[in-house]
Protein backbone atom coordinates (compact mmCIF):
# COMPACT_ATOMS: atom_id res chain seq x y z
CA MET A 1 4.94 -35.71 -27.45
CA GLN A 2 6.18 -32.46 -25.77
CA ASN A 3 5.27 -29.04 -27.13
CA ALA A 4 8.04 -27.05 -28.52
CA PRO A 5 9.39 -24.47 -26.04
CA GLU A 6 7.91 -20.91 -26.51
CA THR A 7 10.16 -18.60 -28.44
CA SER A 8 11.26 -15.78 -26.10
CA LEU A 9 10.88 -12.20 -27.34
CA VAL A 10 13.01 -10.71 -24.54
CA GLY A 11 15.24 -7.95 -25.97
CA THR A 12 13.11 -7.46 -29.10
CA GLU A 13 12.37 -3.77 -29.80
CA TYR A 14 9.20 -2.18 -31.09
CA GLU A 15 8.37 1.37 -32.02
CA VAL A 16 4.96 2.12 -30.56
CA GLU A 17 2.44 4.82 -29.81
CA VAL A 18 1.80 4.70 -26.00
CA GLY A 19 -1.87 4.39 -25.05
CA PRO A 20 -3.69 4.64 -21.71
CA VAL A 21 -2.29 4.01 -18.30
CA ALA A 22 -3.04 0.64 -16.73
CA HIS A 23 -3.24 -0.70 -13.21
CA GLY A 24 0.38 -1.59 -12.06
CA GLY A 25 2.63 1.34 -13.14
CA HIS A 26 2.72 0.90 -16.81
CA CYS A 27 0.88 2.06 -19.94
CA VAL A 28 -0.70 -0.08 -22.68
CA ALA A 29 0.63 -0.05 -26.25
CA ARG A 30 0.18 -2.18 -29.33
CA THR A 31 2.64 -3.20 -31.96
CA GLU A 32 1.76 -2.92 -35.68
CA GLY A 33 0.99 -6.59 -35.60
CA GLY A 34 -1.47 -6.03 -32.75
CA ARG A 35 0.53 -7.42 -29.87
CA VAL A 36 -0.24 -5.96 -26.49
CA LEU A 37 2.64 -4.43 -24.59
CA PHE A 38 2.68 -3.26 -20.96
CA VAL A 39 5.27 -0.47 -21.12
CA ARG A 40 6.99 0.97 -18.10
CA HIS A 41 8.92 4.31 -18.06
CA ALA A 42 6.45 5.69 -20.66
CA LEU A 43 3.52 8.16 -20.51
CA PRO A 44 0.21 8.19 -22.43
CA GLY A 45 0.48 9.76 -25.91
CA GLU A 46 4.31 9.31 -26.29
CA ARG A 47 6.03 7.51 -29.18
CA VAL A 48 8.78 5.31 -27.81
CA VAL A 49 11.04 2.40 -28.65
CA ALA A 50 9.91 -0.39 -26.26
CA ARG A 51 12.34 -3.21 -25.47
CA VAL A 52 10.59 -6.50 -24.30
CA THR A 53 11.55 -7.54 -20.82
CA GLU A 54 9.18 -10.52 -20.36
CA GLY A 55 7.11 -12.77 -22.74
CA GLY A 56 7.31 -14.84 -25.80
CA GLU A 57 5.48 -15.70 -29.09
CA ASP A 58 2.63 -17.41 -27.32
CA SER A 59 2.16 -14.88 -24.47
CA ARG A 60 -1.16 -12.99 -24.08
CA PHE A 61 0.80 -9.78 -23.61
CA LEU A 62 4.43 -8.71 -23.33
CA ARG A 63 6.14 -6.55 -20.70
CA ALA A 64 8.56 -3.90 -21.95
CA ASP A 65 10.55 -0.74 -20.98
CA ALA A 66 10.56 2.38 -22.96
CA VAL A 67 14.31 2.66 -23.75
CA THR A 68 14.08 5.62 -26.19
CA VAL A 69 11.53 8.34 -26.17
CA LEU A 70 11.00 9.66 -29.65
CA GLU A 71 8.06 12.02 -28.92
CA ALA A 72 7.75 13.01 -25.27
CA SER A 73 4.65 13.96 -23.28
CA LYS A 74 4.45 17.43 -21.88
CA ASP A 75 4.07 15.65 -18.48
CA ARG A 76 7.44 14.02 -18.71
CA VAL A 77 10.39 15.16 -16.59
CA GLU A 78 13.90 13.98 -16.09
CA ALA A 79 13.78 11.37 -13.36
CA PRO A 80 15.27 12.96 -10.34
CA CYS A 81 16.58 9.61 -9.08
CA PRO A 82 19.72 8.27 -10.69
CA TYR A 83 18.59 4.75 -10.00
CA SER A 84 15.27 5.08 -11.89
CA GLY A 85 14.82 3.84 -15.41
CA PRO A 86 14.88 0.75 -17.55
CA GLY A 87 16.66 -2.22 -15.90
CA ARG A 88 17.29 -0.21 -12.66
CA CYS A 89 15.45 0.01 -9.32
CA GLY A 90 11.88 -1.17 -9.37
CA GLY A 91 10.69 0.76 -6.36
CA CYS A 92 9.23 3.80 -8.16
CA ASP A 93 6.99 3.66 -11.28
CA TRP A 94 6.54 7.43 -12.05
CA GLN A 95 9.74 9.27 -11.33
CA HIS A 96 9.61 10.45 -15.02
CA ALA A 97 6.18 12.17 -14.58
CA LYS A 98 5.37 15.54 -13.02
CA PRO A 99 3.59 15.21 -9.59
CA GLY A 100 0.27 16.48 -10.94
CA ALA A 101 0.47 14.03 -13.81
CA GLN A 102 1.16 11.15 -11.44
CA ARG A 103 -2.02 11.93 -9.56
CA ARG A 104 -4.03 12.21 -12.84
CA LEU A 105 -2.71 8.85 -13.94
CA LYS A 106 -3.76 7.19 -10.61
CA GLY A 107 -7.16 8.81 -10.98
CA GLU A 108 -7.56 7.30 -14.45
CA VAL A 109 -6.65 3.89 -13.05
CA ILE A 110 -9.22 4.26 -10.26
CA ALA A 111 -11.83 5.33 -12.84
CA GLU A 112 -11.13 2.47 -15.12
CA GLN A 113 -11.18 -0.10 -12.32
CA LEU A 114 -14.51 1.25 -10.96
CA GLN A 115 -16.01 1.09 -14.45
CA ARG A 116 -14.73 -2.31 -15.45
CA LEU A 117 -15.15 -4.20 -12.14
CA ALA A 118 -18.04 -2.43 -10.50
CA GLY A 119 -19.85 -0.77 -13.37
CA LEU A 120 -19.58 2.57 -11.59
CA THR A 121 -18.83 6.01 -13.11
CA PRO A 122 -17.03 8.47 -10.82
CA GLU A 123 -20.28 10.30 -10.20
CA GLN A 124 -22.06 7.10 -9.21
CA ALA A 125 -19.17 6.32 -6.77
CA GLY A 126 -19.57 9.81 -5.22
CA TRP A 127 -16.03 10.79 -6.36
CA ASP A 128 -14.95 14.03 -7.98
CA GLY A 129 -12.19 12.26 -9.96
CA THR A 130 -9.26 13.87 -8.13
CA VAL A 131 -6.52 12.18 -6.26
CA MET A 132 -5.36 14.48 -3.38
CA PRO A 133 -1.73 14.96 -2.44
CA ALA A 134 -0.77 14.05 1.11
CA PRO A 135 -0.03 16.96 3.58
CA GLY A 136 3.33 18.44 2.64
CA ASP A 137 3.78 16.47 -0.55
CA LYS A 138 2.86 19.26 -3.06
CA LEU A 139 6.33 19.96 -4.46
CA PRO A 140 7.52 21.35 -7.79
CA ALA A 141 8.34 19.01 -10.69
CA GLY A 142 11.79 17.61 -10.21
CA GLU A 143 11.46 17.45 -6.40
CA VAL A 144 10.74 14.14 -4.62
CA PRO A 145 8.91 13.96 -1.29
CA ALA A 146 10.85 11.94 1.26
CA TRP A 147 7.84 9.98 2.68
CA ARG A 148 8.66 6.34 3.09
CA THR A 149 9.11 5.70 6.91
CA ARG A 150 9.72 1.95 6.30
CA VAL A 151 12.14 0.72 3.68
CA GLN A 152 13.15 -2.89 3.14
CA TYR A 153 16.66 -2.97 1.57
CA ALA A 154 17.64 -6.06 -0.32
CA ILE A 155 21.27 -7.20 0.10
CA ASP A 156 23.30 -8.37 -2.85
CA PRO A 157 25.80 -11.22 -2.65
CA GLU A 158 28.58 -8.72 -1.92
CA GLY A 159 26.71 -7.47 1.13
CA ARG A 160 25.66 -4.15 -0.39
CA ALA A 161 22.31 -2.58 0.48
CA GLY A 162 19.94 -1.85 -2.48
CA LEU A 163 16.44 -2.29 -3.86
CA ARG A 164 15.10 -4.96 -6.13
CA LYS A 165 14.70 -4.43 -9.89
CA HIS A 166 11.16 -4.64 -11.25
CA ARG A 167 9.73 -8.15 -11.12
CA SER A 168 13.16 -9.49 -10.24
CA HIS A 169 15.27 -10.78 -7.38
CA GLU A 170 18.29 -8.89 -8.74
CA VAL A 171 19.50 -6.09 -6.51
CA GLN A 172 20.21 -2.56 -7.58
CA PRO A 173 22.75 -1.13 -5.00
CA VAL A 174 21.89 2.38 -4.02
CA ASP A 175 23.73 4.94 -1.90
CA HIS A 176 20.49 6.92 -1.19
CA CYS A 177 16.74 6.24 -1.75
CA MET A 178 15.10 9.59 -2.51
CA ILE A 179 11.62 8.54 -1.22
CA ALA A 180 12.99 7.36 2.15
CA ALA A 181 11.93 9.56 4.99
CA PRO A 182 14.75 11.57 6.76
CA GLY A 183 14.50 9.18 9.76
CA VAL A 184 15.39 6.20 7.57
CA THR A 185 18.12 8.06 5.65
CA GLU A 186 19.87 9.17 8.79
CA LEU A 187 20.49 5.55 9.85
CA GLY A 188 22.99 5.19 7.05
CA ILE A 189 21.93 1.61 6.01
CA GLU A 190 23.31 2.18 2.48
CA LYS A 191 26.81 3.02 3.81
CA GLN A 192 27.26 -0.28 5.66
CA ASP A 193 28.20 -3.71 4.45
CA TRP A 194 25.67 -6.43 5.40
CA PRO A 195 27.47 -9.80 4.90
CA GLN A 196 25.27 -12.87 5.15
CA MET A 197 22.05 -10.81 5.27
CA ALA A 198 19.17 -11.19 2.81
CA THR A 199 17.26 -8.17 3.74
CA VAL A 200 17.50 -5.20 6.14
CA GLU A 201 14.34 -3.26 6.91
CA ALA A 202 14.62 0.24 8.36
CA ILE A 203 11.68 1.75 10.34
CA ALA A 204 11.54 5.40 11.39
CA ALA A 205 8.50 6.12 13.60
CA THR A 206 6.74 9.33 12.97
CA GLY A 207 5.18 9.70 16.41
CA SER A 208 8.46 9.40 18.23
CA HIS A 209 12.21 9.21 17.77
CA ASP A 210 12.15 5.37 17.80
CA ARG A 211 14.23 3.79 15.04
CA GLN A 212 14.24 0.01 14.36
CA VAL A 213 16.15 -2.29 12.04
CA VAL A 214 14.77 -5.82 11.18
CA LEU A 215 17.52 -8.25 9.88
CA THR A 216 16.72 -11.33 7.82
CA PRO A 217 19.92 -13.43 7.51
CA ARG A 218 20.53 -15.67 4.54
CA PRO A 219 20.21 -19.41 5.33
CA GLY A 220 22.76 -20.12 7.98
CA GLY A 221 23.90 -16.50 8.13
CA ARG A 222 25.13 -14.94 11.34
CA LEU A 223 24.03 -11.57 12.55
CA PRO A 224 26.58 -8.67 12.02
CA LEU A 225 27.42 -6.22 14.82
CA VAL A 226 25.03 -3.32 13.97
CA GLU A 227 26.75 0.10 14.39
CA LEU A 228 24.59 2.75 12.68
CA ASP A 229 24.57 6.48 12.69
CA LYS A 230 21.73 6.84 15.21
CA PRO A 231 20.47 4.84 18.21
CA VAL A 232 18.37 1.93 16.96
CA SER A 233 16.69 -1.23 18.16
CA VAL A 234 17.49 -4.50 16.30
CA LEU A 235 15.19 -7.26 15.49
CA ARG A 236 15.94 -10.64 13.77
CA VAL A 237 13.66 -12.72 11.54
CA GLU A 238 14.06 -16.42 12.25
CA GLU A 239 14.94 -18.62 9.33
CA ARG A 240 12.90 -21.75 10.37
CA ASP A 241 9.48 -20.03 10.84
CA GLY A 242 9.68 -16.35 9.87
CA SER A 243 9.05 -15.17 13.46
CA VAL A 244 10.63 -11.93 14.69
CA HIS A 245 12.77 -11.77 17.79
CA ARG A 246 14.29 -8.75 19.63
CA VAL A 247 18.12 -8.64 19.57
CA HIS A 248 18.46 -5.46 21.55
CA GLY A 249 16.50 -2.26 22.20
CA ARG A 250 12.75 -1.98 22.22
CA ALA A 251 10.62 -4.61 20.50
CA PHE A 252 8.30 -1.95 19.29
CA VAL A 253 8.18 1.63 17.92
CA ARG A 254 5.68 4.34 19.09
CA GLU A 255 3.54 5.97 16.50
CA ARG A 256 1.08 8.79 17.00
CA ALA A 257 -2.30 9.56 15.35
CA ASP A 258 -5.60 11.26 16.32
CA ASP A 259 -3.89 12.51 19.58
CA ARG A 260 -3.14 8.92 20.75
CA THR A 261 0.08 6.95 21.00
CA TYR A 262 0.19 3.51 19.39
CA ARG A 263 2.71 0.80 20.12
CA VAL A 264 3.67 -1.11 16.93
CA GLY A 265 5.65 -4.23 17.75
CA MET A 266 8.15 -6.40 15.86
CA GLY A 267 7.98 -4.64 12.60
CA GLY A 268 4.23 -4.69 12.56
CA PHE A 269 1.96 -2.78 10.10
CA TRP A 270 1.55 0.97 10.35
CA GLN A 271 0.84 3.39 7.44
CA VAL A 272 4.10 4.18 5.71
CA HIS A 273 3.55 7.85 4.80
CA PRO A 274 4.01 10.11 7.88
CA GLY A 275 0.73 11.91 7.25
CA ALA A 276 -1.34 8.89 6.38
CA ALA A 277 -2.63 7.72 9.71
CA ASP A 278 -4.05 11.09 10.72
CA LEU A 279 -5.43 11.84 7.24
CA LEU A 280 -7.21 8.44 6.94
CA VAL A 281 -8.67 8.62 10.46
CA LYS A 282 -10.08 12.08 9.65
CA ALA A 283 -11.47 10.88 6.27
CA VAL A 284 -13.09 7.74 7.91
CA MET A 285 -14.60 9.71 10.85
CA GLN A 286 -15.97 12.50 8.60
CA GLY A 287 -17.61 9.89 6.43
CA LEU A 288 -19.01 7.70 9.23
CA LEU A 289 -20.13 10.50 11.65
CA PRO A 290 -20.01 8.16 14.70
CA ARG A 291 -22.65 8.88 17.39
CA LYS A 292 -22.56 8.39 21.11
CA GLY A 293 -23.77 4.90 21.91
CA ASP A 294 -22.97 3.33 18.48
CA MET A 295 -21.93 -0.23 18.08
CA ALA A 296 -18.91 -0.25 15.75
CA LEU A 297 -16.79 -2.79 14.05
CA ASP A 298 -13.10 -2.41 13.00
CA LEU A 299 -12.06 -5.18 10.71
CA TYR A 300 -8.47 -5.99 9.85
CA CYS A 301 -7.88 -3.62 12.67
CA GLY A 302 -3.95 -3.98 13.02
CA VAL A 303 -2.83 -2.26 16.18
CA GLY A 304 -6.07 -0.47 16.70
CA LEU A 305 -5.83 2.82 14.83
CA PHE A 306 -9.44 3.08 13.71
CA ALA A 307 -10.72 1.16 16.82
CA GLY A 308 -9.21 3.86 19.02
CA ALA A 309 -10.71 6.74 17.00
CA LEU A 310 -14.14 5.00 17.08
CA ALA A 311 -13.93 4.35 20.86
CA ASP A 312 -13.22 8.01 21.51
CA ARG A 313 -16.23 9.01 19.59
CA VAL A 314 -18.96 6.40 20.53
CA GLY A 315 -18.36 7.08 24.25
CA ASP A 316 -18.97 4.91 27.32
CA LYS A 317 -22.37 3.72 26.09
CA GLY A 318 -21.00 2.57 22.74
CA ALA A 319 -18.90 -0.38 21.96
CA VAL A 320 -16.22 -1.34 19.45
CA LEU A 321 -15.13 -4.84 18.33
CA GLY A 322 -11.86 -5.14 16.40
CA ILE A 323 -10.76 -8.25 14.42
CA GLU A 324 -7.21 -8.91 13.41
CA SER A 325 -5.35 -12.08 12.23
CA GLY A 326 -1.86 -11.21 13.39
CA LYS A 327 -1.09 -12.32 16.96
CA ARG A 328 1.43 -9.60 17.69
CA ALA A 329 -0.78 -6.94 16.25
CA VAL A 330 -3.68 -8.14 18.50
CA GLU A 331 -1.39 -7.92 21.52
CA ASP A 332 -0.49 -4.34 20.57
CA ALA A 333 -4.10 -3.31 19.91
CA ARG A 334 -5.16 -4.67 23.28
CA HIS A 335 -2.31 -2.73 24.96
CA ASN A 336 -3.05 0.45 22.93
CA LEU A 337 -6.72 0.41 23.76
CA GLN A 338 -6.59 -0.88 27.34
CA ASP A 339 -8.07 2.33 28.82
CA PHE A 340 -11.36 1.71 26.91
CA ASP A 341 -13.68 -0.63 28.79
CA ARG A 342 -16.01 -1.07 25.81
CA VAL A 343 -13.39 -2.15 23.24
CA ARG A 344 -12.72 -5.80 22.46
CA ILE A 345 -10.15 -7.21 20.12
CA GLU A 346 -10.49 -10.73 18.72
CA GLN A 347 -7.74 -12.64 16.90
CA GLY A 348 -8.33 -14.58 13.71
CA LYS A 349 -9.45 -14.16 10.17
CA VAL A 350 -12.32 -11.87 9.67
CA GLU A 351 -14.40 -14.40 7.62
CA SER A 352 -14.01 -16.92 10.51
CA VAL A 353 -14.29 -14.79 13.55
CA LEU A 354 -17.12 -12.42 12.54
CA PRO A 355 -19.77 -15.15 12.24
CA ARG A 356 -18.67 -16.68 15.53
CA THR A 357 -19.19 -13.46 17.54
CA GLY A 358 -23.02 -13.83 17.29
CA ILE A 359 -23.36 -10.07 16.37
CA THR A 360 -26.47 -9.58 14.32
CA GLU A 361 -26.59 -5.78 14.25
CA VAL A 362 -24.22 -2.95 14.19
CA ASP A 363 -24.33 0.83 13.54
CA ILE A 364 -21.06 1.54 11.74
CA VAL A 365 -18.15 -0.35 10.34
CA VAL A 366 -14.57 0.30 9.25
CA LEU A 367 -12.75 -2.26 7.20
CA ASP A 368 -9.14 -1.85 5.92
CA PRO A 369 -8.39 -5.23 4.30
CA PRO A 370 -5.14 -6.41 2.84
CA ARG A 371 -4.37 -5.81 -0.94
CA ALA A 372 -6.60 -8.80 -2.01
CA GLY A 373 -9.69 -7.04 -0.54
CA ALA A 374 -12.42 -8.47 1.80
CA GLY A 375 -14.13 -10.82 -0.72
CA LYS A 376 -17.77 -11.72 -1.42
CA GLN A 377 -18.33 -13.86 1.77
CA THR A 378 -17.24 -11.09 4.19
CA VAL A 379 -19.14 -8.38 2.25
CA ARG A 380 -22.34 -10.40 2.34
CA HIS A 381 -22.02 -10.97 6.05
CA LEU A 382 -21.32 -7.30 6.69
CA ALA A 383 -24.25 -6.23 4.62
CA SER A 384 -26.53 -8.46 6.71
CA LEU A 385 -25.63 -6.61 9.87
CA GLY A 386 -27.58 -3.48 8.70
CA ALA A 387 -24.85 -0.84 9.41
CA ARG A 388 -25.89 2.79 8.85
CA ARG A 389 -22.57 3.46 7.19
CA ILE A 390 -19.56 1.42 6.22
CA ALA A 391 -16.03 2.91 5.67
CA TYR A 392 -13.80 0.95 3.31
CA VAL A 393 -10.13 1.88 3.26
CA ALA A 394 -8.39 0.45 0.27
CA CYS A 395 -4.84 0.31 -0.94
CA ASP A 396 -5.69 -1.39 -4.21
CA PRO A 397 -8.38 0.14 -6.56
CA ALA A 398 -9.10 -3.23 -8.24
CA ALA A 399 -9.94 -4.96 -4.96
CA LEU A 400 -11.98 -1.95 -3.91
CA ALA A 401 -13.96 -2.05 -7.14
CA ARG A 402 -14.62 -5.85 -6.90
CA ASP A 403 -15.81 -5.46 -3.29
CA LEU A 404 -18.03 -2.47 -4.26
CA ALA A 405 -19.73 -4.74 -6.79
CA TYR A 406 -20.36 -7.31 -4.01
CA PHE A 407 -21.75 -4.57 -1.71
CA HIS A 408 -24.05 -3.38 -4.55
CA GLU A 409 -25.44 -6.88 -4.88
CA SER A 410 -26.03 -6.83 -1.10
CA GLY A 411 -27.87 -3.47 -1.03
CA TYR A 412 -25.03 -0.96 -0.31
CA ARG A 413 -23.86 1.85 -2.53
CA PRO A 414 -21.05 4.35 -2.22
CA ARG A 415 -22.03 7.65 -0.83
CA THR A 416 -18.54 9.24 -1.13
CA LEU A 417 -15.15 8.13 -2.49
CA ARG A 418 -11.93 10.01 -1.78
CA ALA A 419 -8.50 9.18 -3.15
CA PHE A 420 -5.15 10.13 -1.63
CA ASP A 421 -1.68 9.93 -3.07
CA LEU A 422 0.01 8.43 -0.03
CA PHE A 423 2.70 6.72 -2.20
CA PRO A 424 4.22 9.36 -4.45
CA MET A 425 6.39 8.26 -7.34
CA THR A 426 4.78 4.74 -7.20
CA HIS A 427 1.61 3.42 -8.84
CA HIS A 428 -0.01 2.85 -5.44
CA VAL A 429 -2.91 4.90 -4.22
CA GLU A 430 -5.19 4.93 -1.12
CA CYS A 431 -8.96 5.20 -1.29
CA VAL A 432 -11.64 5.79 1.34
CA ALA A 433 -15.22 4.80 0.23
CA ILE A 434 -18.18 5.56 2.51
CA LEU A 435 -21.06 3.17 1.82
CA GLU A 436 -24.72 3.41 2.96
CA SER A 437 -27.62 1.07 2.76
CA VAL A 438 -29.81 1.77 -0.34
CA ALA A 439 -32.85 0.86 1.73
CA LYS A 440 -31.98 3.11 4.73
CA GLY A 441 -30.35 6.07 3.11
CA ALA A 442 -28.41 8.09 5.84
């Protein structure tokens, strides 16, 4: 006998007092009946009417949007972007909060994740509790930093460029994305029609004038003739296997950080905020304090950003091993670091390649894992290598906290933690934790 289908509560409205911020760009509230709501477009302490967007009678929690603000927080501002708000673009989470309030909210999320998943207070994590703005981003309330150097536009069935709505495949057409960097905006993607395309990604390098557009056609779709407002190279994502191929122009863009130029090919990963690469290299190197002759690891090394910085500092008698799973990124890293004799880049998953290297001892380590984190197996292996210090670069505070707990089990504790607002208007935040062996100190 089949269970009766769950009764949907989508569209139901509740008047609620908004509680604390939660990881994911929303706040927690409870109905009078005790139901938990994750409410977007609200701020802690507000009283709002929340309309359910997802969930039913049997759901553990409901997702909702604040559609009417009855009592506003002093941190609330009118969202500068006309596409921000309930049912509209899902790209930004905190357009309705003052910049300083956004950073405080992110700090509260980091603190909550550290406590819940790692059992650490900010003091125990070596963190002063602040989230620092990126260079040039300290703007008055109502102004939006134009920081996003890579924007993937979704294309609606009519061929209009836009951005997806929150937790939806539905497209909100836009004529301008306020957080897009000037180099992206000047391409004029939103002014064009993109028939038969699924997505159009625009990339504006910070370290050069290189501009790139990556087209993903719909199944069976043909590429349009691309005529944009600025010179641009064009790449295509293949339908059958997701590989990226050059249509015309360069297959890469040139980025710059730590006084070096890096080639980033075929839409590959580079920090999205124009100030991020330099800021993170500085934070990592200040924390690790590399010495001449050190043996260093750069795990999840991408195109070699941290490996290059390490190689510069450990000198001819030192050595750096980078590990990266992406084939194209490995090719770029080897190209970018070819003038260092003592740098080696291996391709494959860190958890598979690291044990095969035969390395039993290192001095310093950088790891910059994907959003899911490094995981217990990799953390344990790293801890067994006895590094003096480990720098962990994290784009997700929950993954960072989980891995810090694994490091603690393996004898490493955070010496310092710094947090940077490299994704203004969104809930994302970047952290750099410097770990040291409890036995060794530093």
